[in-house]
Amino acid sequence: MDLLSLTHTDPDRTTIADKLFRFYAACAESGLVEMERLATTVETWWPQIEAAIRTGMNNAGSEGTNRVIKTDARAAFGYRNPANQRLRARCTTTRRSRGHLSTRTSGRHGQLR
């Protein structure tokens, strides 16, 4: 957590290296297999993690859009043709920009969510 807390703080390389060394040391001292696996994963993905720490950017938006599209496709059990699928995916992922954010509940009073 100390390492990830450096995001958006414009840290220098020595600060990042110090926190990374502390993380690896804590994983090694714990003696837990899960912590060793976590350290291995961090080592594998370190270039991407470092880029996220240094720039503060991530792919959360695109991952969220992909999740919505896949969920919609599962709920529809497939589409008749690819054009229909593209149209449905576009409609599903742009609801907020089209003003459909304030939906009504299905209760007796129909209050805004």
N, C-alpha and C. Protein backbone atom coordinates (compact mmCIF):
# COMPACT_ATOMS: atom_id res chain seq x y z
N MET A 1 0.83 -1.19 0.00
CA MET A 1 0.00 0.00 0.00
C MET A 1 0.88 1.25 0.00
N ASP A 2 2.02 1.18 0.70
CA ASP A 2 2.92 2.33 0.70
C ASP A 2 3.43 2.63 -0.69
N LEU A 3 3.68 1.58 -1.45
CA LEU A 3 4.18 1.76 -2.81
C LEU A 3 3.12 2.40 -3.70
N LEU A 4 1.89 1.91 -3.61
CA LEU A 4 0.82 2.47 -4.44
C LEU A 4 0.40 3.86 -4.00
N SER A 5 0.68 4.22 -2.75
CA SER A 5 0.32 5.56 -2.28
C SER A 5 1.17 6.64 -2.93
N LEU A 6 2.22 6.25 -3.63
CA LEU A 6 3.06 7.23 -4.32
C LEU A 6 2.43 7.76 -5.60
N THR A 7 1.34 7.14 -6.05
CA THR A 7 0.67 7.58 -7.26
C THR A 7 0.19 9.01 -7.09
N HIS A 8 0.34 9.81 -8.15
CA HIS A 8 -0.05 11.22 -8.18
C HIS A 8 0.81 12.10 -7.26
N THR A 9 1.98 11.64 -6.82
CA THR A 9 2.84 12.47 -5.97
C THR A 9 4.13 12.85 -6.67
N ASP A 10 4.32 12.45 -7.92
CA ASP A 10 5.53 12.71 -8.69
C ASP A 10 6.77 12.27 -7.93
N PRO A 11 6.85 10.98 -7.56
CA PRO A 11 7.99 10.50 -6.77
C PRO A 11 9.26 10.35 -7.61
N ASP A 12 10.41 10.46 -6.97
CA ASP A 12 11.65 10.21 -7.69
C ASP A 12 11.97 8.71 -7.63
N ARG A 13 12.94 8.30 -8.43
CA ARG A 13 13.26 6.88 -8.55
C ARG A 13 13.74 6.27 -7.24
N THR A 14 14.47 7.02 -6.44
CA THR A 14 14.99 6.47 -5.19
C THR A 14 13.87 6.17 -4.20
N THR A 15 12.86 7.03 -4.16
CA THR A 15 11.72 6.79 -3.28
C THR A 15 10.97 5.53 -3.70
N ILE A 16 10.75 5.39 -5.00
CA ILE A 16 10.07 4.20 -5.52
C ILE A 16 10.89 2.96 -5.21
N ALA A 17 12.20 3.02 -5.46
CA ALA A 17 13.06 1.86 -5.22
C ALA A 17 13.07 1.48 -3.74
N ASP A 18 13.09 2.47 -2.85
CA ASP A 18 13.08 2.19 -1.41
C ASP A 18 11.79 1.48 -0.99
N LYS A 19 10.66 1.98 -1.46
CA LYS A 19 9.38 1.37 -1.10
C LYS A 19 9.26 -0.04 -1.71
N LEU A 20 9.77 -0.22 -2.93
CA LEU A 20 9.72 -1.53 -3.57
C LEU A 20 10.58 -2.53 -2.79
N PHE A 21 11.78 -2.09 -2.36
CA PHE A 21 12.64 -2.97 -1.58
C PHE A 21 11.96 -3.37 -0.27
N ARG A 22 11.30 -2.41 0.39
CA ARG A 22 10.58 -2.71 1.64
C ARG A 22 9.45 -3.72 1.39
N PHE A 23 8.77 -3.56 0.27
CA PHE A 23 7.69 -4.49 -0.08
C PHE A 23 8.23 -5.90 -0.25
N TYR A 24 9.31 -6.04 -1.04
CA TYR A 24 9.90 -7.36 -1.25
C TYR A 24 10.41 -7.96 0.06
N ALA A 25 11.00 -7.14 0.92
CA ALA A 25 11.51 -7.63 2.20
C ALA A 25 10.36 -8.12 3.08
N ALA A 26 9.26 -7.37 3.11
CA ALA A 26 8.10 -7.77 3.91
C ALA A 26 7.51 -9.08 3.39
N CYS A 27 7.46 -9.24 2.08
CA CYS A 27 6.94 -10.49 1.49
C CYS A 27 7.83 -11.66 1.87
N ALA A 28 9.15 -11.46 1.82
CA ALA A 28 10.09 -12.54 2.14
C ALA A 28 10.03 -12.90 3.62
N GLU A 29 9.89 -11.90 4.48
CA GLU A 29 9.87 -12.15 5.93
C GLU A 29 8.57 -12.80 6.39
N SER A 30 7.50 -12.62 5.64
CA SER A 30 6.21 -13.16 6.08
C SER A 30 6.20 -14.68 6.10
N GLY A 31 6.91 -15.30 5.18
CA GLY A 31 6.93 -16.75 5.11
C GLY A 31 5.66 -17.35 4.53
N LEU A 32 4.77 -16.53 4.04
CA LEU A 32 3.52 -17.01 3.44
C LEU A 32 3.70 -17.24 1.95
N VAL A 33 3.17 -18.33 1.48
CA VAL A 33 3.25 -18.66 0.06
C VAL A 33 2.52 -17.61 -0.77
N GLU A 34 1.40 -17.13 -0.26
CA GLU A 34 0.61 -16.13 -0.98
C GLU A 34 1.39 -14.83 -1.17
N MET A 35 2.15 -14.43 -0.14
CA MET A 35 2.93 -13.20 -0.25
C MET A 35 4.08 -13.38 -1.24
N GLU A 36 4.67 -14.56 -1.27
CA GLU A 36 5.72 -14.82 -2.25
C GLU A 36 5.15 -14.79 -3.66
N ARG A 37 3.95 -15.32 -3.83
CA ARG A 37 3.29 -15.29 -5.14
C ARG A 37 2.96 -13.85 -5.53
N LEU A 38 2.53 -13.04 -4.57
CA LEU A 38 2.26 -11.63 -4.84
C LEU A 38 3.53 -10.91 -5.27
N ALA A 39 4.65 -11.17 -4.59
CA ALA A 39 5.92 -10.54 -4.95
C ALA A 39 6.33 -10.94 -6.36
N THR A 40 6.11 -12.19 -6.73
CA THR A 40 6.43 -12.65 -8.08
C THR A 40 5.57 -11.95 -9.11
N THR A 41 4.30 -11.78 -8.80
CA THR A 41 3.39 -11.09 -9.72
C THR A 41 3.81 -9.64 -9.89
N VAL A 42 4.15 -8.97 -8.78
CA VAL A 42 4.59 -7.58 -8.86
C VAL A 42 5.87 -7.49 -9.69
N GLU A 43 6.78 -8.43 -9.50
CA GLU A 43 8.02 -8.41 -10.28
C GLU A 43 7.74 -8.59 -11.77
N THR A 44 6.80 -9.46 -12.10
CA THR A 44 6.44 -9.68 -13.50
C THR A 44 5.83 -8.44 -14.13
N TRP A 45 4.95 -7.78 -13.40
CA TRP A 45 4.23 -6.63 -13.92
C TRP A 45 4.88 -5.29 -13.55
N TRP A 46 6.11 -5.31 -13.02
CA TRP A 46 6.71 -4.09 -12.50
C TRP A 46 6.78 -2.94 -13.51
N PRO A 47 7.16 -3.13 -14.78
CA PRO A 47 7.19 -1.98 -15.69
C PRO A 47 5.84 -1.27 -15.80
N GLN A 48 4.75 -2.03 -15.84
CA GLN A 48 3.43 -1.42 -15.94
C GLN A 48 3.04 -0.75 -14.62
N ILE A 49 3.38 -1.37 -13.50
CA ILE A 49 3.05 -0.79 -12.20
C ILE A 49 3.82 0.51 -12.01
N GLU A 50 5.09 0.50 -12.37
CA GLU A 50 5.90 1.71 -12.24
C GLU A 50 5.35 2.83 -13.13
N ALA A 51 4.94 2.50 -14.34
CA ALA A 51 4.36 3.51 -15.23
C ALA A 51 3.10 4.11 -14.62
N ALA A 52 2.27 3.27 -13.99
CA ALA A 52 1.05 3.78 -13.34
C ALA A 52 1.39 4.68 -12.16
N ILE A 53 2.41 4.32 -11.40
CA ILE A 53 2.81 5.14 -10.25
C ILE A 53 3.37 6.47 -10.73
N ARG A 54 4.21 6.44 -11.76
CA ARG A 54 4.85 7.67 -12.22
C ARG A 54 3.89 8.59 -12.97
N THR A 55 2.97 8.05 -13.75
CA THR A 55 2.07 8.89 -14.55
C THR A 55 0.71 9.10 -13.91
N GLY A 56 0.31 8.19 -13.05
CA GLY A 56 -1.02 8.29 -12.45
C GLY A 56 -2.13 7.85 -13.39
N MET A 57 -1.77 7.25 -14.52
CA MET A 57 -2.77 6.84 -15.50
C MET A 57 -2.97 5.34 -15.42
N ASN A 58 -4.19 4.89 -15.74
CA ASN A 58 -4.49 3.46 -15.79
C ASN A 58 -5.54 3.20 -16.85
N ASN A 59 -5.90 1.96 -17.03
CA ASN A 59 -6.87 1.59 -18.07
C ASN A 59 -8.23 1.23 -17.47
N ALA A 60 -8.56 1.81 -16.34
CA ALA A 60 -9.81 1.48 -15.67
C ALA A 60 -11.04 1.80 -16.53
N GLY A 61 -11.00 2.89 -17.26
CA GLY A 61 -12.14 3.26 -18.10
C GLY A 61 -12.43 2.25 -19.19
N SER A 62 -11.37 1.84 -19.90
CA SER A 62 -11.57 0.88 -20.97
C SER A 62 -11.95 -0.50 -20.42
N GLU A 63 -11.38 -0.87 -19.27
CA GLU A 63 -11.76 -2.15 -18.65
C GLU A 63 -13.23 -2.14 -18.23
N GLY A 64 -13.69 -1.02 -17.71
CA GLY A 64 -15.10 -0.91 -17.31
C GLY A 64 -16.03 -1.01 -18.50
N THR A 65 -15.66 -0.35 -19.61
CA THR A 65 -16.47 -0.42 -20.82
C THR A 65 -16.52 -1.84 -21.35
N ASN A 66 -15.37 -2.52 -21.38
CA ASN A 66 -15.34 -3.91 -21.84
C ASN A 66 -16.20 -4.81 -20.95
N ARG A 67 -16.19 -4.57 -19.65
CA ARG A 67 -17.00 -5.38 -18.73
C ARG A 67 -18.48 -5.18 -19.03
N VAL A 68 -18.89 -3.94 -19.27
CA VAL A 68 -20.29 -3.66 -19.57
C VAL A 68 -20.71 -4.34 -20.87
N ILE A 69 -19.87 -4.29 -21.88
CA ILE A 69 -20.19 -4.92 -23.17
C ILE A 69 -20.33 -6.44 -23.00
N LYS A 70 -19.39 -7.05 -22.27
CA LYS A 70 -19.46 -8.51 -22.08
C LYS A 70 -20.68 -8.91 -21.26
N THR A 71 -21.01 -8.13 -20.24
CA THR A 71 -22.19 -8.42 -19.43
C THR A 71 -23.46 -8.32 -20.28
N ASP A 72 -23.53 -7.29 -21.12
CA ASP A 72 -24.69 -7.13 -21.98
C ASP A 72 -24.80 -8.28 -22.97
N ALA A 73 -23.69 -8.72 -23.52
CA ALA A 73 -23.71 -9.83 -24.48
C ALA A 73 -24.15 -11.12 -23.80
N ARG A 74 -23.72 -11.34 -22.55
CA ARG A 74 -24.15 -12.54 -21.83
C ARG A 74 -25.65 -12.50 -21.55
N ALA A 75 -26.15 -11.34 -21.19
CA ALA A 75 -27.57 -11.21 -20.87
C ALA A 75 -28.43 -11.43 -22.11
N ALA A 76 -27.91 -11.07 -23.28
CA ALA A 76 -28.69 -11.19 -24.52
C ALA A 76 -28.54 -12.55 -25.17
N PHE A 77 -27.65 -13.38 -24.67
CA PHE A 77 -27.40 -14.71 -25.25
C PHE A 77 -27.09 -14.62 -26.73
N GLY A 78 -26.32 -13.63 -27.11
CA GLY A 78 -25.92 -13.48 -28.51
C GLY A 78 -26.88 -12.57 -29.26
N TYR A 79 -26.44 -12.12 -30.41
CA TYR A 79 -27.25 -11.22 -31.24
C TYR A 79 -27.47 -11.85 -32.61
N ARG A 80 -28.43 -11.32 -33.33
CA ARG A 80 -28.73 -11.88 -34.64
C ARG A 80 -27.61 -11.65 -35.65
N ASN A 81 -26.98 -10.48 -35.58
CA ASN A 81 -25.90 -10.19 -36.53
C ASN A 81 -24.90 -9.23 -35.89
N PRO A 82 -23.68 -9.12 -36.43
CA PRO A 82 -22.66 -8.25 -35.84
C PRO A 82 -23.04 -6.78 -35.79
N ALA A 83 -23.79 -6.29 -36.78
CA ALA A 83 -24.19 -4.88 -36.77
C ALA A 83 -25.10 -4.60 -35.58
N ASN A 84 -26.01 -5.53 -35.29
CA ASN A 84 -26.91 -5.37 -34.14
C ASN A 84 -26.12 -5.39 -32.83
N GLN A 85 -25.10 -6.24 -32.77
CA GLN A 85 -24.28 -6.31 -31.57
C GLN A 85 -23.51 -5.01 -31.35
N ARG A 86 -22.94 -4.44 -32.42
CA ARG A 86 -22.23 -3.17 -32.29
C ARG A 86 -23.17 -2.06 -31.84
N LEU A 87 -24.37 -2.01 -32.42
CA LEU A 87 -25.34 -0.99 -32.03
C LEU A 87 -25.74 -1.15 -30.58
N ARG A 88 -25.99 -2.37 -30.15
CA ARG A 88 -26.38 -2.61 -28.76
C ARG A 88 -25.26 -2.25 -27.79
N ALA A 89 -24.02 -2.58 -28.14
CA ALA A 89 -22.87 -2.24 -27.29
C ALA A 89 -22.72 -0.73 -27.19
N ARG A 90 -22.89 -0.03 -28.28
CA ARG A 90 -22.79 1.43 -28.25
C ARG A 90 -23.88 2.04 -27.39
N CYS A 91 -25.09 1.54 -27.50
CA CYS A 91 -26.19 2.05 -26.68
C CYS A 91 -25.96 1.77 -25.20
N THR A 92 -25.45 0.59 -24.89
CA THR A 92 -25.22 0.22 -23.51
C THR A 92 -24.14 1.06 -22.86
N THR A 93 -23.09 1.36 -23.58
CA THR A 93 -21.95 2.07 -22.98
C THR A 93 -22.08 3.58 -23.04
N THR A 94 -23.09 4.12 -23.70
CA THR A 94 -23.22 5.58 -23.77
C THR A 94 -24.49 6.08 -23.11
N ARG A 95 -25.11 5.31 -22.25
CA ARG A 95 -26.35 5.74 -21.59
C ARG A 95 -26.17 7.04 -20.82
N ARG A 96 -25.07 7.16 -20.08
CA ARG A 96 -24.86 8.34 -19.25
C ARG A 96 -24.80 9.60 -20.12
N SER A 97 -24.12 9.54 -21.25
CA SER A 97 -24.00 10.72 -22.10
C SER A 97 -25.31 11.04 -22.82
N ARG A 98 -26.21 10.06 -22.93
CA ARG A 98 -27.50 10.30 -23.59
C ARG A 98 -28.58 10.73 -22.60
N GLY A 99 -28.23 10.90 -21.32
CA GLY A 99 -29.20 11.42 -20.37
C GLY A 99 -30.07 10.39 -19.71
N HIS A 100 -29.72 9.12 -19.75
CA HIS A 100 -30.54 8.07 -19.15
C HIS A 100 -30.03 7.65 -17.78
N LEU A 101 -29.32 8.54 -17.11
CA LEU A 101 -28.74 8.16 -15.82
C LEU A 101 -29.79 8.11 -14.72
N SER A 102 -30.80 8.96 -14.78
CA SER A 102 -31.80 9.00 -13.72
C SER A 102 -32.96 8.07 -14.07
N THR A 103 -32.79 6.80 -13.79
CA THR A 103 -33.84 5.82 -14.07
C THR A 103 -34.79 5.75 -12.88
N ARG A 104 -35.98 5.31 -13.14
CA ARG A 104 -36.97 5.18 -12.07
C ARG A 104 -36.98 3.76 -11.53
N THR A 105 -37.23 3.63 -10.26
CA THR A 105 -37.31 2.29 -9.67
C THR A 105 -38.62 1.65 -10.08
N SER A 106 -38.70 0.36 -9.91
CA SER A 106 -39.91 -0.35 -10.33
C SER A 106 -40.89 -0.51 -9.17
N GLY A 107 -40.76 0.32 -8.17
CA GLY A 107 -41.64 0.22 -7.02
C GLY A 107 -42.97 0.91 -7.24
N ARG A 108 -43.78 0.94 -6.20
CA ARG A 108 -45.10 1.51 -6.26
C ARG A 108 -45.05 3.03 -6.53
N HIS A 109 -44.03 3.70 -6.00
CA HIS A 109 -43.96 5.15 -6.11
C HIS A 109 -43.11 5.62 -7.28
N GLY A 110 -42.30 4.76 -7.85
CA GLY A 110 -41.50 5.13 -9.01
C GLY A 110 -40.55 6.27 -8.72
N GLN A 111 -39.85 6.22 -7.59
CA GLN A 111 -38.93 7.29 -7.23
C GLN A 111 -37.65 7.18 -8.03
N LEU A 112 -36.98 8.33 -8.20
CA LEU A 112 -35.71 8.35 -8.90
C LEU A 112 -34.65 7.64 -8.08
N ARG A 113 -33.79 6.91 -8.77
CA ARG A 113 -32.66 6.24 -8.09
C ARG A 113 -31.54 7.19 -7.86
